Amino acid sequence: MAGPRIVSHSVRVLGANPENVRRWAGSAALFGIAAGSGVLFIGECLPPAKTDFFCKLPVVGNYWKDYAAKSEE
């Protein structure tokens, strides 16, 4: 007779287990950073994005505030 069999049940969410998530997390983060940077780069030329988003950035917002003031004159 064989002893009790140990079965490990891995949690799967939408077909991904923790090992796969850990393996792909770095690539997904880099892709997200690249996609977000691309959207911000393209969105920079839109006037509503300048006044509503870029001017409100804490460190570099003054760059777009000066640019928006010059374009309004």
PDB file of N, CA and C in Angstrom:
ATOM      1  N   MET A   1       0.817  -1.174   0.000  1.00  0.00           N
ATOM      2  CA  MET A   1       0.000   0.000   0.000  1.00  0.00           C
ATOM      3  C   MET A   1       0.863   1.240   0.000  1.00  0.00           C
ATOM      4  N   ALA A   2       0.407   2.159  -0.764  1.00  0.00           N
ATOM      5  CA  ALA A   2       1.112   3.433  -0.840  1.00  0.00           C
ATOM      6  C   ALA A   2       0.541   4.377   0.203  1.00  0.00           C
ATOM      7  N   GLY A   3       1.373   5.298   0.619  1.00  0.00           N
ATOM      8  CA  GLY A   3       0.938   6.279   1.608  1.00  0.00           C
ATOM      9  C   GLY A   3       0.061   7.342   0.967  1.00  0.00           C
ATOM     10  N   PRO A   4      -0.343   8.322   1.745  1.00  0.00           N
ATOM     11  CA  PRO A   4      -1.196   9.385   1.204  1.00  0.00           C
ATOM     12  C   PRO A   4      -0.458  10.201   0.154  1.00  0.00           C
ATOM     13  N   ARG A   5      -1.176  10.557  -0.837  1.00  0.00           N
ATOM     14  CA  ARG A   5      -0.601  11.331  -1.936  1.00  0.00           C
ATOM     15  C   ARG A   5      -0.802  12.814  -1.652  1.00  0.00           C
ATOM     16  N   ILE A   6       0.266  13.595  -1.767  1.00  0.00           N
ATOM     17  CA  ILE A   6       0.194  15.031  -1.534  1.00  0.00           C
ATOM     18  C   ILE A   6      -0.059  15.718  -2.867  1.00  0.00           C
ATOM     19  N   VAL A   7      -1.135  16.458  -2.920  1.00  0.00           N
ATOM     20  CA  VAL A   7      -1.507  17.171  -4.136  1.00  0.00           C
ATOM     21  C   VAL A   7      -1.500  18.653  -3.806  1.00  0.00           C
ATOM     22  N   SER A   8      -0.740  19.406  -4.569  1.00  0.00           N
ATOM     23  CA  SER A   8      -0.739  20.856  -4.356  1.00  0.00           C
ATOM     24  C   SER A   8      -1.668  21.501  -5.379  1.00  0.00           C
ATOM     25  N   HIS A   9      -2.548  22.330  -4.892  1.00  0.00           N
ATOM     26  CA  HIS A   9      -3.482  23.024  -5.763  1.00  0.00           C
ATOM     27  C   HIS A   9      -2.998  24.446  -5.930  1.00  0.00           C
ATOM     28  N   SER A  10      -2.653  24.793  -7.130  1.00  0.00           N
ATOM     29  CA  SER A  10      -2.186  26.134  -7.426  1.00  0.00           C
ATOM     30  C   SER A  10      -3.375  27.014  -7.775  1.00  0.00           C
ATOM     31  N   VAL A  11      -3.334  28.221  -7.284  1.00  0.00           N
ATOM     32  CA  VAL A  11      -4.401  29.167  -7.575  1.00  0.00           C
ATOM     33  C   VAL A  11      -4.240  29.638  -9.009  1.00  0.00           C
ATOM     34  N   ARG A  12      -5.325  29.575  -9.764  1.00  0.00           N
ATOM     35  CA  ARG A  12      -5.287  30.009 -11.160  1.00  0.00           C
ATOM     36  C   ARG A  12      -6.369  31.055 -11.368  1.00  0.00           C
ATOM     37  N   VAL A  13      -5.964  32.191 -11.908  1.00  0.00           N
ATOM     38  CA  VAL A  13      -6.896  33.259 -12.229  1.00  0.00           C
ATOM     39  C   VAL A  13      -6.770  33.532 -13.718  1.00  0.00           C
ATOM     40  N   LEU A  14      -7.835  33.298 -14.447  1.00  0.00           N
ATOM     41  CA  LEU A  14      -7.855  33.459 -15.907  1.00  0.00           C
ATOM     42  C   LEU A  14      -6.734  32.677 -16.576  1.00  0.00           C
ATOM     43  N   GLY A  15      -6.439  31.503 -16.047  1.00  0.00           N
ATOM     44  CA  GLY A  15      -5.449  30.634 -16.645  1.00  0.00           C
ATOM     45  C   GLY A  15      -4.018  30.943 -16.264  1.00  0.00           C
ATOM     46  N   ALA A  16      -3.789  31.880 -15.361  1.00  0.00           N
ATOM     47  CA  ALA A  16      -2.423  32.232 -14.966  1.00  0.00           C
ATOM     48  C   ALA A  16      -2.203  31.846 -13.516  1.00  0.00           C
ATOM     49  N   ASN A  17      -1.153  31.122 -13.265  1.00  0.00           N
ATOM     50  CA  ASN A  17      -0.808  30.781 -11.896  1.00  0.00           C
ATOM     51  C   ASN A  17       0.274  31.746 -11.394  1.00  0.00           C
ATOM     52  N   PRO A  18       0.574  31.746 -10.115  1.00  0.00           N
ATOM     53  CA  PRO A  18       1.550  32.704  -9.585  1.00  0.00           C
ATOM     54  C   PRO A  18       2.930  32.635 -10.246  1.00  0.00           C
ATOM     55  N   GLU A  19       3.346  31.469 -10.656  1.00  0.00           N
ATOM     56  CA  GLU A  19       4.651  31.351 -11.317  1.00  0.00           C
ATOM     57  C   GLU A  19       4.666  32.097 -12.641  1.00  0.00           C
ATOM     58  N   ASN A  20       3.600  31.941 -13.425  1.00  0.00           N
ATOM     59  CA  ASN A  20       3.527  32.646 -14.711  1.00  0.00           C
ATOM     60  C   ASN A  20       3.418  34.153 -14.510  1.00  0.00           C
ATOM     61  N   VAL A  21       2.653  34.563 -13.507  1.00  0.00           N
ATOM     62  CA  VAL A  21       2.518  35.994 -13.240  1.00  0.00           C
ATOM     63  C   VAL A  21       3.864  36.582 -12.854  1.00  0.00           C
ATOM     64  N   ARG A  22       4.591  35.894 -12.009  1.00  0.00           N
ATOM     65  CA  ARG A  22       5.913  36.360 -11.592  1.00  0.00           C
ATOM     66  C   ARG A  22       6.872  36.419 -12.780  1.00  0.00           C
ATOM     67  N   ARG A  23       6.751  35.465 -13.690  1.00  0.00           N
ATOM     68  CA  ARG A  23       7.639  35.415 -14.840  1.00  0.00           C
ATOM     69  C   ARG A  23       7.372  36.573 -15.808  1.00  0.00           C
ATOM     70  N   TRP A  24       6.110  36.944 -15.995  1.00  0.00           N
ATOM     71  CA  TRP A  24       5.745  37.961 -16.973  1.00  0.00           C
ATOM     72  C   TRP A  24       5.598  39.363 -16.379  1.00  0.00           C
ATOM     73  N   ALA A  25       5.714  39.514 -15.079  1.00  0.00           N
ATOM     74  CA  ALA A  25       5.478  40.816 -14.442  1.00  0.00           C
ATOM     75  C   ALA A  25       6.462  41.873 -14.919  1.00  0.00           C
ATOM     76  N   GLY A  26       7.725  41.537 -15.053  1.00  0.00           N
ATOM     77  CA  GLY A  26       8.731  42.509 -15.502  1.00  0.00           C
ATOM     78  C   GLY A  26       8.473  42.987 -16.920  1.00  0.00           C
ATOM     79  N   SER A  27       8.167  42.065 -17.800  1.00  0.00           N
ATOM     80  CA  SER A  27       7.878  42.440 -19.185  1.00  0.00           C
ATOM     81  C   SER A  27       6.612  43.285 -19.278  1.00  0.00           C
ATOM     82  N   ALA A  28       5.603  42.927 -18.504  1.00  0.00           N
ATOM     83  CA  ALA A  28       4.358  43.690 -18.529  1.00  0.00           C
ATOM     84  C   ALA A  28       4.571  45.102 -17.991  1.00  0.00           C
ATOM     85  N   ALA A  29       5.400  45.234 -16.952  1.00  0.00           N
ATOM     86  CA  ALA A  29       5.679  46.563 -16.397  1.00  0.00           C
ATOM     87  C   ALA A  29       6.426  47.423 -17.411  1.00  0.00           C
ATOM     88  N   LEU A  30       7.410  46.862 -18.073  1.00  0.00           N
ATOM     89  CA  LEU A  30       8.154  47.621 -19.081  1.00  0.00           C
ATOM     90  C   LEU A  30       7.257  48.019 -20.256  1.00  0.00           C
ATOM     91  N   PHE A  31       6.392  47.118 -20.666  1.00  0.00           N
ATOM     92  CA  PHE A  31       5.459  47.437 -21.749  1.00  0.00           C
ATOM     93  C   PHE A  31       4.520  48.558 -21.327  1.00  0.00           C
ATOM     94  N   GLY A  32       4.034  48.512 -20.089  1.00  0.00           N
ATOM     95  CA  GLY A  32       3.142  49.552 -19.590  1.00  0.00           C
ATOM     96  C   GLY A  32       3.822  50.904 -19.514  1.00  0.00           C
ATOM     97  N   ILE A  33       5.065  50.925 -19.085  1.00  0.00           N
ATOM     98  CA  ILE A  33       5.821  52.181 -19.022  1.00  0.00           C
ATOM     99  C   ILE A  33       6.032  52.738 -20.423  1.00  0.00           C
ATOM    100  N   ALA A  34       6.386  51.876 -21.358  1.00  0.00           N
ATOM    101  CA  ALA A  34       6.609  52.328 -22.737  1.00  0.00           C
ATOM    102  C   ALA A  34       5.315  52.833 -23.367  1.00  0.00           C
ATOM    103  N   ALA A  35       4.221  52.128 -23.152  1.00  0.00           N
ATOM    104  CA  ALA A  35       2.940  52.552 -23.725  1.00  0.00           C
ATOM    105  C   ALA A  35       2.473  53.863 -23.105  1.00  0.00           C
ATOM    106  N   GLY A  36       2.609  54.002 -21.799  1.00  0.00           N
ATOM    107  CA  GLY A  36       2.230  55.246 -21.134  1.00  0.00           C
ATOM    108  C   GLY A  36       3.063  56.417 -21.572  1.00  0.00           C
ATOM    109  N   SER A  37       4.362  56.207 -21.742  1.00  0.00           N
ATOM    110  CA  SER A  37       5.240  57.275 -22.223  1.00  0.00           C
ATOM    111  C   SER A  37       4.864  57.689 -23.638  1.00  0.00           C
ATOM    112  N   GLY A  38       4.529  56.718 -24.463  1.00  0.00           N
ATOM    113  CA  GLY A  38       4.117  57.037 -25.832  1.00  0.00           C
ATOM    114  C   GLY A  38       2.832  57.844 -25.870  1.00  0.00           C
ATOM    115  N   VAL A  39       1.878  57.491 -25.039  1.00  0.00           N
ATOM    116  CA  VAL A  39       0.618  58.232 -24.990  1.00  0.00           C
ATOM    117  C   VAL A  39       0.862  59.655 -24.509  1.00  0.00           C
ATOM    118  N   LEU A  40       1.702  59.817 -23.494  1.00  0.00           N
ATOM    119  CA  LEU A  40       2.008  61.164 -23.003  1.00  0.00           C
ATOM    120  C   LEU A  40       2.767  61.975 -24.045  1.00  0.00           C
ATOM    121  N   PHE A  41       3.666  61.334 -24.764  1.00  0.00           N
ATOM    122  CA  PHE A  41       4.430  62.034 -25.798  1.00  0.00           C
ATOM    123  C   PHE A  41       3.519  62.520 -26.922  1.00  0.00           C
ATOM    124  N   ILE A  42       2.592  61.670 -27.347  1.00  0.00           N
ATOM    125  CA  ILE A  42       1.663  62.052 -28.410  1.00  0.00           C
ATOM    126  C   ILE A  42       0.646  63.072 -27.895  1.00  0.00           C
ATOM    127  N   GLY A  43       0.208  62.902 -26.643  1.00  0.00           N
ATOM    128  CA  GLY A  43      -0.782  63.799 -26.080  1.00  0.00           C
ATOM    129  C   GLY A  43      -0.253  65.170 -25.733  1.00  0.00           C
ATOM    130  N   GLU A  44       1.058  65.335 -25.744  1.00  0.00           N
ATOM    131  CA  GLU A  44       1.638  66.628 -25.392  1.00  0.00           C
ATOM    132  C   GLU A  44       1.251  67.726 -26.382  1.00  0.00           C
ATOM    133  N   CYS A  45       1.009  67.394 -27.605  1.00  0.00           N
ATOM    134  CA  CYS A  45       0.701  68.399 -28.615  1.00  0.00           C
ATOM    135  C   CYS A  45      -0.761  68.829 -28.593  1.00  0.00           C
ATOM    136  N   LEU A  46      -1.593  68.197 -27.792  1.00  0.00           N
ATOM    137  CA  LEU A  46      -3.009  68.558 -27.704  1.00  0.00           C
ATOM    138  C   LEU A  46      -3.204  69.651 -26.645  1.00  0.00           C
ATOM    139  N   PRO A  47      -3.824  70.767 -26.996  1.00  0.00           N
ATOM    140  CA  PRO A  47      -4.002  71.858 -26.030  1.00  0.00           C
ATOM    141  C   PRO A  47      -4.759  71.474 -24.760  1.00  0.00           C
ATOM    142  N   PRO A  48      -5.826  70.675 -24.817  1.00  0.00           N
ATOM    143  CA  PRO A  48      -6.478  70.314 -23.555  1.00  0.00           C
ATOM    144  C   PRO A  48      -5.572  69.501 -22.635  1.00  0.00           C
ATOM    145  N   ALA A  49      -4.723  68.682 -23.208  1.00  0.00           N
ATOM    146  CA  ALA A  49      -3.810  67.896 -22.380  1.00  0.00           C
ATOM    147  C   ALA A  49      -2.797  68.799 -21.694  1.00  0.00           C
ATOM    148  N   LYS A  50      -2.360  69.847 -22.387  1.00  0.00           N
ATOM    149  CA  LYS A  50      -1.401  70.774 -21.778  1.00  0.00           C
ATOM    150  C   LYS A  50      -2.017  71.488 -20.592  1.00  0.00           C
ATOM    151  N   THR A  51      -3.220  72.015 -20.767  1.00  0.00           N
ATOM    152  CA  THR A  51      -3.822  72.823 -19.705  1.00  0.00           C
ATOM    153  C   THR A  51      -4.399  71.955 -18.585  1.00  0.00           C
ATOM    154  N   ASP A  52      -4.943  70.804 -18.899  1.00  0.00           N
ATOM    155  CA  ASP A  52      -5.603  69.990 -17.887  1.00  0.00           C
ATOM    156  C   ASP A  52      -4.673  69.012 -17.180  1.00  0.00           C
ATOM    157  N   PHE A  53      -3.684  68.523 -17.863  1.00  0.00           N
ATOM    158  CA  PHE A  53      -2.849  67.471 -17.263  1.00  0.00           C
ATOM    159  C   PHE A  53      -1.417  67.931 -17.013  1.00  0.00           C
ATOM    160  N   PHE A  54      -0.742  68.378 -18.056  1.00  0.00           N
ATOM    161  CA  PHE A  54       0.683  68.662 -17.934  1.00  0.00           C
ATOM    162  C   PHE A  54       0.976  69.857 -17.031  1.00  0.00           C
ATOM    163  N   CYS A  55       0.117  70.858 -17.014  1.00  0.00           N
ATOM    164  CA  CYS A  55       0.330  72.029 -16.155  1.00  0.00           C
ATOM    165  C   CYS A  55       0.199  71.677 -14.687  1.00  0.00           C
ATOM    166  N   LYS A  56      -0.479  70.586 -14.373  1.00  0.00           N
ATOM    167  CA  LYS A  56      -0.719  70.205 -12.987  1.00  0.00           C
ATOM    168  C   LYS A  56       0.318  69.223 -12.444  1.00  0.00           C
ATOM    169  N   LEU A  57       1.330  68.896 -13.218  1.00  0.00           N
ATOM    170  CA  LEU A  57       2.376  68.010 -12.728  1.00  0.00           C
ATOM    171  C   LEU A  57       3.195  68.739 -11.659  1.00  0.00           C
ATOM    172  N   PRO A  58       3.559  68.074 -10.578  1.00  0.00           N
ATOM    173  CA  PRO A  58       4.196  68.765  -9.465  1.00  0.00           C
ATOM    174  C   PRO A  58       5.558  69.372  -9.768  1.00  0.00           C
ATOM    175  N   VAL A  59       6.429  68.689 -10.454  1.00  0.00           N
ATOM    176  CA  VAL A  59       7.806  69.163 -10.605  1.00  0.00           C
ATOM    177  C   VAL A  59       8.012  69.956 -11.889  1.00  0.00           C
ATOM    178  N   VAL A  60       7.505  69.469 -12.987  1.00  0.00           N
ATOM    179  CA  VAL A  60       7.767  70.089 -14.286  1.00  0.00           C
ATOM    180  C   VAL A  60       6.568  70.826 -14.862  1.00  0.00           C
ATOM    181  N   GLY A  61       5.533  71.049 -14.083  1.00  0.00           N
ATOM    182  CA  GLY A  61       4.330  71.694 -14.578  1.00  0.00           C
ATOM    183  C   GLY A  61       4.549  73.135 -14.998  1.00  0.00           C
ATOM    184  N   ASN A  62       5.545  73.795 -14.412  1.00  0.00           N
ATOM    185  CA  ASN A  62       5.800  75.197 -14.768  1.00  0.00           C
ATOM    186  C   ASN A  62       6.214  75.353 -16.227  1.00  0.00           C
ATOM    187  N   TYR A  63       6.837  74.340 -16.809  1.00  0.00           N
ATOM    188  CA  TYR A  63       7.239  74.409 -18.214  1.00  0.00           C
ATOM    189  C   TYR A  63       6.012  74.590 -19.100  1.00  0.00           C
ATOM    190  N   TRP A  64       4.969  73.836 -18.857  1.00  0.00           N
ATOM    191  CA  TRP A  64       3.771  73.916 -19.687  1.00  0.00           C
ATOM    192  C   TRP A  64       2.908  75.119 -19.323  1.00  0.00           C
ATOM    193  N   LYS A  65       2.957  75.604 -18.081  1.00  0.00           N
ATOM    194  CA  LYS A  65       2.209  76.802 -17.712  1.00  0.00           C
ATOM    195  C   LYS A  65       2.738  78.003 -18.477  1.00  0.00           C
ATOM    196  N   ASP A  66       4.065  78.132 -18.560  1.00  0.00           N
ATOM    197  CA  ASP A  66       4.659  79.236 -19.322  1.00  0.00           C
ATOM    198  C   ASP A  66       4.314  79.107 -20.794  1.00  0.00           C
ATOM    199  N   TYR A  67       4.349  77.896 -21.327  1.00  0.00           N
ATOM    200  CA  TYR A  67       4.052  77.674 -22.740  1.00  0.00           C
ATOM    201  C   TYR A  67       2.590  77.991 -23.029  1.00  0.00           C
ATOM    202  N   ALA A  68       1.695  77.609 -22.129  1.00  0.00           N
ATOM    203  CA  ALA A  68       0.279  77.876 -22.341  1.00  0.00           C
ATOM    204  C   ALA A  68      -0.009  79.370 -22.265  1.00  0.00           C
ATOM    205  N   ALA A  69       0.671  80.080 -21.378  1.00  0.00           N
ATOM    206  CA  ALA A  69       0.466  81.525 -21.261  1.00  0.00           C
ATOM    207  C   ALA A  69       0.970  82.251 -22.514  1.00  0.00           C
ATOM    208  N   LYS A  70       2.081  81.819 -23.079  1.00  0.00           N
ATOM    209  CA  LYS A  70       2.620  82.442 -24.282  1.00  0.00           C
ATOM    210  C   LYS A  70       1.714  82.178 -25.488  1.00  0.00           C
ATOM    211  N   SER A  71       1.114  81.031 -25.568  1.00  0.00           N
ATOM    212  CA  SER A  71       0.266  80.719 -26.723  1.00  0.00           C
ATOM    213  C   SER A  71      -1.071  81.456 -26.647  1.00  0.00           C
ATOM    214  N   GLU A  72      -1.506  81.814 -25.444  1.00  0.00           N
ATOM    215  CA  GLU A  72      -2.773  82.527 -25.312  1.00  0.00           C
ATOM    216  C   GLU A  72      -2.638  84.011 -25.697  1.00  0.00           C
ATOM    217  N   GLU A  73      -1.447  84.548 -25.629  1.00  0.00           N
ATOM    218  CA  GLU A  73      -1.254  85.974 -25.934  1.00  0.00           C
ATOM    219  C   GLU A  73      -1.303  86.271 -27.406  1.00  0.00           C
TER     220      GLU A  73
END
